[in-house]
Amino acid sequence: MNFSDLPEIQITRNVRSKHLRLRVEPNKIRLTAPVFCTSGQIQSFIQLSEQWLLKTWQQQQQNIKNQDRTLPNTLQLFNLQNSITIIYHTQQPNFIFDDQNSQLLISDRQPTQYLKNFLIAYAKHHLPLYLEEISQESNLNFGKCTIRQPKTRWGSCTSKHDIMLNSGLVLFPKHIARYVCVHELAHTKYFDHGPHFWAEVEKYDQHYLQHRKILKNTPLPYWWIH
């Protein structure tokens, strides 16, 4: 593999960025740059990162090939002790969730889409409640909470302290979802990622470095991201 085999790098300038940052995703490569960076500086940074880019992109593509592309028969969600049994069969509703028996019925008409629909609906109900719980625990207040499906972010916080959480967080263990909640709530106090911000995160998640690493290195299921 050589540099020409890589996809076109998508460049975004961000007023909050202080450094150039490359991110390799399953189907694209993104570069975030401070607004003051020149085109020459960006190209130089890309050239210096060439070997890392090639190695990381190749690994990403291999991971995709190795992923299990079958739909799951069980789901473990962040706030449930027991896993959910999934049954795919002919039915009129897109999905029916029997929480008493930990059973999810998915219509076999478009099972992948309906499974995603269930998870999004579940996330929209449960993640804001969990964020409120962590907010009260940490005494860090927020405005509104929205649940979305961004490709590259697990969460965000606006200057008005409105927080967005990625619906895919429900597929992670609870301590990982908690780290993201703590991270975004800490932004209500410190808007950047400076030392004071990370100290605030550590006050409520002493193992945040480990949790951050798990979040970064754990791929979401194939059926969720495609």
C-alpha atoms as a PDB file:
ATOM      1  CA  MET A   1       0.000   0.000   0.000  1.00  0.00           C
ATOM      2  CA  ASN A   2       1.207   3.520  -0.801  1.00  0.00           C
ATOM      3  CA  PHE A   3      -0.035   7.012  -0.021  1.00  0.00           C
ATOM      4  CA  SER A   4      -2.134   7.204  -3.199  1.00  0.00           C
ATOM      5  CA  ASP A   5      -4.242   4.281  -1.922  1.00  0.00           C
ATOM      6  CA  LEU A   6      -5.580   6.369   0.938  1.00  0.00           C
ATOM      7  CA  PRO A   7      -8.951   8.149   0.625  1.00  0.00           C
ATOM      8  CA  GLU A   8      -8.993  11.917   0.239  1.00  0.00           C
ATOM      9  CA  ILE A   9      -8.328  13.549   3.590  1.00  0.00           C
ATOM     10  CA  GLN A  10     -11.210  15.733   4.778  1.00  0.00           C
ATOM     11  CA  ILE A  11      -9.825  18.916   6.346  1.00  0.00           C
ATOM     12  CA  THR A  12     -11.811  20.899   8.910  1.00  0.00           C
ATOM     13  CA  ARG A  13     -10.703  24.115  10.615  1.00  0.00           C
ATOM     14  CA  ASN A  14     -11.871  24.490  14.203  1.00  0.00           C
ATOM     15  CA  VAL A  15     -11.616  27.625  16.335  1.00  0.00           C
ATOM     16  CA  ARG A  16     -11.208  25.470  19.462  1.00  0.00           C
ATOM     17  CA  SER A  17      -8.336  23.400  18.056  1.00  0.00           C
ATOM     18  CA  LYS A  18      -4.812  24.265  19.161  1.00  0.00           C
ATOM     19  CA  HIS A  19      -3.028  21.451  17.327  1.00  0.00           C
ATOM     20  CA  LEU A  20      -3.311  19.539  14.076  1.00  0.00           C
ATOM     21  CA  ARG A  21      -5.061  16.221  14.586  1.00  0.00           C
ATOM     22  CA  LEU A  22      -5.614  13.251  12.263  1.00  0.00           C
ATOM     23  CA  ARG A  23      -8.421  10.758  12.768  1.00  0.00           C
ATOM     24  CA  VAL A  24      -8.700   7.542  10.763  1.00  0.00           C
ATOM     25  CA  GLU A  25     -12.237   6.172  10.450  1.00  0.00           C
ATOM     26  CA  PRO A  26     -13.441   3.000   8.714  1.00  0.00           C
ATOM     27  CA  ASN A  27     -14.338   4.840   5.494  1.00  0.00           C
ATOM     28  CA  LYS A  28     -12.564   8.205   5.675  1.00  0.00           C
ATOM     29  CA  ILE A  29      -9.672  10.197   7.127  1.00  0.00           C
ATOM     30  CA  ARG A  30     -10.284  13.519   8.854  1.00  0.00           C
ATOM     31  CA  LEU A  31      -7.832  16.260   9.750  1.00  0.00           C
ATOM     32  CA  THR A  32      -8.783  18.966  12.224  1.00  0.00           C
ATOM     33  CA  ALA A  33      -6.647  22.111  12.098  1.00  0.00           C
ATOM     34  CA  PRO A  34      -6.526  25.392  14.023  1.00  0.00           C
ATOM     35  CA  VAL A  35      -7.869  28.317  12.003  1.00  0.00           C
ATOM     36  CA  PHE A  36      -4.420  29.969  11.877  1.00  0.00           C
ATOM     37  CA  CYS A  37      -2.710  26.978  10.192  1.00  0.00           C
ATOM     38  CA  THR A  38      -1.521  27.574   6.637  1.00  0.00           C
ATOM     39  CA  SER A  39      -2.057  25.092   3.811  1.00  0.00           C
ATOM     40  CA  GLY A  40       1.684  24.502   3.736  1.00  0.00           C
ATOM     41  CA  GLN A  41       1.759  23.580   7.435  1.00  0.00           C
ATOM     42  CA  ILE A  42      -1.132  21.181   6.929  1.00  0.00           C
ATOM     43  CA  GLN A  43       0.507  19.459   3.958  1.00  0.00           C
ATOM     44  CA  SER A  44       3.799  19.169   5.848  1.00  0.00           C
ATOM     45  CA  PHE A  45       1.996  17.587   8.809  1.00  0.00           C
ATOM     46  CA  ILE A  46       0.265  15.075   6.519  1.00  0.00           C
ATOM     47  CA  GLN A  47       3.566  14.122   4.886  1.00  0.00           C
ATOM     48  CA  LEU A  48       5.235  13.604   8.268  1.00  0.00           C
ATOM     49  CA  SER A  49       2.309  11.388   9.298  1.00  0.00           C
ATOM     50  CA  GLU A  50       2.379   9.308   6.106  1.00  0.00           C
ATOM     51  CA  GLN A  51       3.675   6.061   7.617  1.00  0.00           C
ATOM     52  CA  TRP A  52       1.281   6.259  10.566  1.00  0.00           C
ATOM     53  CA  LEU A  53      -1.627   6.958   8.212  1.00  0.00           C
ATOM     54  CA  LEU A  54      -0.797   4.002   5.973  1.00  0.00           C
ATOM     55  CA  LYS A  55      -0.406   1.605   8.898  1.00  0.00           C
ATOM     56  CA  THR A  56      -3.572   2.793  10.687  1.00  0.00           C
ATOM     57  CA  TRP A  57      -5.723   2.792   7.538  1.00  0.00           C
ATOM     58  CA  GLN A  58      -4.558  -0.712   6.640  1.00  0.00           C
ATOM     59  CA  GLN A  59      -5.380  -1.922  10.153  1.00  0.00           C
ATOM     60  CA  GLN A  60      -8.832  -0.323   9.979  1.00  0.00           C
ATOM     61  CA  GLN A  61      -9.602  -2.075   6.713  1.00  0.00           C
ATOM     62  CA  GLN A  62      -8.434  -5.408   8.117  1.00  0.00           C
ATOM     63  CA  ASN A  63     -10.640  -4.917  11.185  1.00  0.00           C
ATOM     64  CA  ILE A  64     -13.634  -4.301   8.927  1.00  0.00           C
ATOM     65  CA  LYS A  65     -12.940  -7.522   7.008  1.00  0.00           C
ATOM     66  CA  ASN A  66     -12.703  -9.455  10.266  1.00  0.00           C
ATOM     67  CA  GLN A  67     -15.885  -8.017  11.767  1.00  0.00           C
ATOM     68  CA  ASP A  68     -18.855 -10.267  12.306  1.00  0.00           C
ATOM     69  CA  ARG A  69     -21.516  -9.023   9.894  1.00  0.00           C
ATOM     70  CA  THR A  70     -24.375 -11.098  11.275  1.00  0.00           C
ATOM     71  CA  LEU A  71     -27.116  -9.525  13.334  1.00  0.00           C
ATOM     72  CA  PRO A  72     -26.852 -10.243  17.067  1.00  0.00           C
ATOM     73  CA  ASN A  73     -29.069 -12.656  18.979  1.00  0.00           C
ATOM     74  CA  THR A  74     -28.419 -10.824  22.240  1.00  0.00           C
ATOM     75  CA  LEU A  75     -27.695  -7.252  23.304  1.00  0.00           C
ATOM     76  CA  GLN A  76     -26.009  -5.992  26.454  1.00  0.00           C
ATOM     77  CA  LEU A  77     -27.071  -2.407  27.135  1.00  0.00           C
ATOM     78  CA  PHE A  78     -25.287   0.016  29.438  1.00  0.00           C
ATOM     79  CA  ASN A  79     -27.873   0.163  32.244  1.00  0.00           C
ATOM     80  CA  LEU A  80     -29.169  -3.414  32.249  1.00  0.00           C
ATOM     81  CA  GLN A  81     -27.744  -6.255  34.328  1.00  0.00           C
ATOM     82  CA  ASN A  82     -29.100  -8.948  32.039  1.00  0.00           C
ATOM     83  CA  SER A  83     -28.600  -9.154  28.306  1.00  0.00           C
ATOM     84  CA  ILE A  84     -31.607  -8.853  25.987  1.00  0.00           C
ATOM     85  CA  THR A  85     -32.588 -11.813  23.839  1.00  0.00           C
ATOM     86  CA  ILE A  86     -33.428 -10.769  20.268  1.00  0.00           C
ATOM     87  CA  ILE A  87     -35.950 -12.635  18.136  1.00  0.00           C
ATOM     88  CA  TYR A  88     -36.375 -11.798  14.457  1.00  0.00           C
ATOM     89  CA  HIS A  89     -39.723 -12.791  13.015  1.00  0.00           C
ATOM     90  CA  THR A  90     -42.691 -11.595  10.983  1.00  0.00           C
ATOM     91  CA  GLN A  91     -44.699  -8.928  12.805  1.00  0.00           C
ATOM     92  CA  GLN A  92     -46.374  -5.620  12.091  1.00  0.00           C
ATOM     93  CA  PRO A  93     -44.560  -3.328  14.568  1.00  0.00           C
ATOM     94  CA  ASN A  94     -40.938  -2.559  13.758  1.00  0.00           C
ATOM     95  CA  PHE A  95     -39.884  -3.680  17.219  1.00  0.00           C
ATOM     96  CA  ILE A  96     -41.468  -4.730  20.511  1.00  0.00           C
ATOM     97  CA  PHE A  97     -39.414  -4.541  23.703  1.00  0.00           C
ATOM     98  CA  ASP A  98     -40.520  -6.732  26.593  1.00  0.00           C
ATOM     99  CA  ASP A  99     -38.359  -5.372  29.391  1.00  0.00           C
ATOM    100  CA  GLN A 100     -39.908  -7.680  32.002  1.00  0.00           C
ATOM    101  CA  ASN A 101     -38.619 -10.744  30.156  1.00  0.00           C
ATOM    102  CA  SER A 102     -35.531  -9.057  28.630  1.00  0.00           C
ATOM    103  CA  GLN A 103     -36.768  -9.853  25.153  1.00  0.00           C
ATOM    104  CA  LEU A 104     -36.732  -7.789  21.968  1.00  0.00           C
ATOM    105  CA  LEU A 105     -38.874  -8.743  18.982  1.00  0.00           C
ATOM    106  CA  ILE A 106     -37.628  -7.304  15.673  1.00  0.00           C
ATOM    107  CA  SER A 107     -39.607  -7.374  12.418  1.00  0.00           C
ATOM    108  CA  ASP A 108     -37.802  -9.365   9.742  1.00  0.00           C
ATOM    109  CA  ARG A 109     -38.812  -6.891   7.023  1.00  0.00           C
ATOM    110  CA  GLN A 110     -35.811  -4.588   7.649  1.00  0.00           C
ATOM    111  CA  PRO A 111     -34.169  -6.067  10.738  1.00  0.00           C
ATOM    112  CA  THR A 112     -30.966  -4.010  10.666  1.00  0.00           C
ATOM    113  CA  GLN A 113     -32.824  -0.703  10.446  1.00  0.00           C
ATOM    114  CA  TYR A 114     -35.392  -1.706  13.059  1.00  0.00           C
ATOM    115  CA  LEU A 115     -32.680  -2.843  15.468  1.00  0.00           C
ATOM    116  CA  LYS A 116     -31.029   0.560  15.059  1.00  0.00           C
ATOM    117  CA  ASN A 117     -34.393   2.261  15.566  1.00  0.00           C
ATOM    118  CA  PHE A 118     -34.851   0.413  18.847  1.00  0.00           C
ATOM    119  CA  LEU A 119     -31.407   1.425  20.100  1.00  0.00           C
ATOM    120  CA  ILE A 120     -31.951   5.073  19.175  1.00  0.00           C
ATOM    121  CA  ALA A 121     -35.323   5.084  20.945  1.00  0.00           C
ATOM    122  CA  TYR A 122     -33.773   3.387  23.977  1.00  0.00           C
ATOM    123  CA  ALA A 123     -30.910   5.891  24.044  1.00  0.00           C
ATOM    124  CA  LYS A 124     -33.256   8.883  23.755  1.00  0.00           C
ATOM    125  CA  HIS A 125     -35.148   7.714  26.818  1.00  0.00           C
ATOM    126  CA  HIS A 126     -32.345   6.448  29.066  1.00  0.00           C
ATOM    127  CA  LEU A 127     -29.226   8.524  28.318  1.00  0.00           C
ATOM    128  CA  PRO A 128     -30.740  11.908  29.332  1.00  0.00           C
ATOM    129  CA  LEU A 129     -31.914  10.350  32.608  1.00  0.00           C
ATOM    130  CA  TYR A 130     -28.439   8.976  33.230  1.00  0.00           C
ATOM    131  CA  LEU A 131     -26.822  12.330  32.395  1.00  0.00           C
ATOM    132  CA  GLU A 132     -29.138  13.996  34.921  1.00  0.00           C
ATOM    133  CA  GLU A 133     -28.083  11.428  37.519  1.00  0.00           C
ATOM    134  CA  ILE A 134     -24.392  12.165  36.961  1.00  0.00           C
ATOM    135  CA  SER A 135     -25.126  15.901  36.911  1.00  0.00           C
ATOM    136  CA  GLN A 136     -26.658  15.729  40.382  1.00  0.00           C
ATOM    137  CA  GLU A 137     -23.842  13.521  41.628  1.00  0.00           C
ATOM    138  CA  SER A 138     -21.136  15.927  40.396  1.00  0.00           C
ATOM    139  CA  ASN A 139     -23.064  19.181  40.943  1.00  0.00           C
ATOM    140  CA  LEU A 140     -22.297  20.149  37.335  1.00  0.00           C
ATOM    141  CA  ASN A 141     -25.451  21.496  35.736  1.00  0.00           C
ATOM    142  CA  PHE A 142     -26.372  21.398  32.055  1.00  0.00           C
ATOM    143  CA  GLY A 143     -29.082  22.864  29.834  1.00  0.00           C
ATOM    144  CA  LYS A 144     -30.762  20.515  27.374  1.00  0.00           C
ATOM    145  CA  CYS A 145     -29.711  17.017  26.417  1.00  0.00           C
ATOM    146  CA  THR A 146     -30.076  15.733  22.863  1.00  0.00           C
ATOM    147  CA  ILE A 147     -29.316  12.242  21.553  1.00  0.00           C
ATOM    148  CA  ARG A 148     -27.902  11.922  18.046  1.00  0.00           C
ATOM    149  CA  GLN A 149     -25.913   9.557  15.835  1.00  0.00           C
ATOM    150  CA  PRO A 150     -22.743  11.471  14.864  1.00  0.00           C
ATOM    151  CA  LYS A 151     -19.992   9.524  13.123  1.00  0.00           C
ATOM    152  CA  THR A 152     -17.021  10.990  14.954  1.00  0.00           C
ATOM    153  CA  ARG A 153     -18.063  12.298  18.385  1.00  0.00           C
ATOM    154  CA  TRP A 154     -19.322  10.609  21.531  1.00  0.00           C
ATOM    155  CA  GLY A 155     -20.622  13.854  22.921  1.00  0.00           C
ATOM    156  CA  SER A 156     -20.428  17.633  22.824  1.00  0.00           C
ATOM    157  CA  CYS A 157     -21.238  20.626  24.994  1.00  0.00           C
ATOM    158  CA  THR A 158     -22.235  24.083  23.767  1.00  0.00           C
ATOM    159  CA  SER A 159     -21.497  27.458  25.331  1.00  0.00           C
ATOM    160  CA  LYS A 160     -25.079  27.366  26.676  1.00  0.00           C
ATOM    161  CA  HIS A 161     -24.228  24.075  28.420  1.00  0.00           C
ATOM    162  CA  ASP A 162     -26.494  22.031  26.152  1.00  0.00           C
ATOM    163  CA  ILE A 163     -25.098  18.508  25.861  1.00  0.00           C
ATOM    164  CA  MET A 164     -25.307  16.036  22.977  1.00  0.00           C
ATOM    165  CA  LEU A 165     -24.675  12.338  23.575  1.00  0.00           C
ATOM    166  CA  ASN A 166     -24.108   9.667  20.946  1.00  0.00           C
ATOM    167  CA  SER A 167     -26.836   7.004  20.992  1.00  0.00           C
ATOM    168  CA  GLY A 168     -24.174   4.330  20.438  1.00  0.00           C
ATOM    169  CA  LEU A 169     -23.086   4.784  24.068  1.00  0.00           C
ATOM    170  CA  VAL A 170     -25.856   2.408  25.158  1.00  0.00           C
ATOM    171  CA  LEU A 171     -23.807  -0.418  23.588  1.00  0.00           C
ATOM    172  CA  PHE A 172     -20.902   0.183  26.000  1.00  0.00           C
ATOM    173  CA  PRO A 173     -20.600  -0.776  29.673  1.00  0.00           C
ATOM    174  CA  LYS A 174     -22.047   1.709  32.137  1.00  0.00           C
ATOM    175  CA  HIS A 175     -18.670   3.033  33.323  1.00  0.00           C
ATOM    176  CA  ILE A 176     -17.819   4.029  29.738  1.00  0.00           C
ATOM    177  CA  ALA A 177     -21.116   5.896  29.276  1.00  0.00           C
ATOM    178  CA  ARG A 178     -20.473   7.516  32.632  1.00  0.00           C
ATOM    179  CA  TYR A 179     -17.046   8.757  31.511  1.00  0.00           C
ATOM    180  CA  VAL A 180     -18.594  10.501  28.482  1.00  0.00           C
ATOM    181  CA  CYS A 181     -21.244  12.112  30.704  1.00  0.00           C
ATOM    182  CA  VAL A 182     -18.562  13.323  33.129  1.00  0.00           C
ATOM    183  CA  HIS A 183     -16.439  14.576  30.214  1.00  0.00           C
ATOM    184  CA  GLU A 184     -19.247  16.671  28.748  1.00  0.00           C
ATOM    185  CA  LEU A 185     -20.410  17.949  32.137  1.00  0.00           C
ATOM    186  CA  ALA A 186     -16.844  19.066  32.886  1.00  0.00           C
ATOM    187  CA  HIS A 187     -17.092  21.230  29.750  1.00  0.00           C
ATOM    188  CA  THR A 188     -19.811  23.250  31.475  1.00  0.00           C
ATOM    189  CA  LYS A 189     -17.020  24.487  33.744  1.00  0.00           C
ATOM    190  CA  TYR A 190     -13.991  24.396  31.421  1.00  0.00           C
ATOM    191  CA  PHE A 191     -14.631  24.715  27.687  1.00  0.00           C
ATOM    192  CA  ASP A 192     -11.176  23.592  26.526  1.00  0.00           C
ATOM    193  CA  HIS A 193      -9.167  20.423  27.191  1.00  0.00           C
ATOM    194  CA  GLY A 194      -6.598  22.061  29.434  1.00  0.00           C
ATOM    195  CA  PRO A 195      -5.186  20.774  32.760  1.00  0.00           C
ATOM    196  CA  HIS A 196      -8.073  22.226  34.794  1.00  0.00           C
ATOM    197  CA  PHE A 197     -10.583  20.420  32.605  1.00  0.00           C
ATOM    198  CA  TRP A 198      -8.917  17.015  33.017  1.00  0.00           C
ATOM    199  CA  ALA A 199      -8.557  17.603  36.761  1.00  0.00           C
ATOM    200  CA  GLU A 200     -12.313  18.188  36.890  1.00  0.00           C
ATOM    201  CA  VAL A 201     -12.944  14.966  34.959  1.00  0.00           C
ATOM    202  CA  GLU A 202     -10.659  13.039  37.313  1.00  0.00           C
ATOM    203  CA  LYS A 203     -12.613  14.271  40.351  1.00  0.00           C
ATOM    204  CA  TYR A 204     -15.586  12.190  39.198  1.00  0.00           C
ATOM    205  CA  ASP A 205     -13.834   9.450  37.205  1.00  0.00           C
ATOM    206  CA  GLN A 206     -10.448   8.451  38.612  1.00  0.00           C
ATOM    207  CA  HIS A 207      -9.961   5.889  35.837  1.00  0.00           C
ATOM    208  CA  TYR A 208     -10.879   8.238  32.991  1.00  0.00           C
ATOM    209  CA  LEU A 209      -7.661   7.545  31.066  1.00  0.00           C
ATOM    210  CA  GLN A 210      -8.458   3.840  30.955  1.00  0.00           C
ATOM    211  CA  HIS A 211     -12.089   4.518  30.029  1.00  0.00           C
ATOM    212  CA  ARG A 212     -11.041   6.970  27.328  1.00  0.00           C
ATOM    213  CA  LYS A 213      -8.701   4.357  25.839  1.00  0.00           C
ATOM    214  CA  ILE A 214     -11.433   1.691  25.818  1.00  0.00           C
ATOM    215  CA  LEU A 215     -13.830   4.082  24.089  1.00  0.00           C
ATOM    216  CA  LYS A 216     -11.236   4.950  21.465  1.00  0.00           C
ATOM    217  CA  ASN A 217     -10.173   1.369  20.729  1.00  0.00           C
ATOM    218  CA  THR A 218     -13.477  -0.504  20.866  1.00  0.00           C
ATOM    219  CA  PRO A 219     -15.217  -0.643  17.468  1.00  0.00           C
ATOM    220  CA  LEU A 220     -18.978  -0.454  17.264  1.00  0.00           C
ATOM    221  CA  PRO A 221     -20.748  -3.443  15.653  1.00  0.00           C
ATOM    222  CA  TYR A 222     -20.747  -3.613  11.878  1.00  0.00           C
ATOM    223  CA  TRP A 223     -24.552  -3.526  11.713  1.00  0.00           C
ATOM    224  CA  TRP A 224     -24.654  -0.261  13.683  1.00  0.00           C
ATOM    225  CA  ILE A 225     -22.188   1.753  11.609  1.00  0.00           C
ATOM    226  CA  HIS A 226     -23.279   0.564   8.140  1.00  0.00           C
END
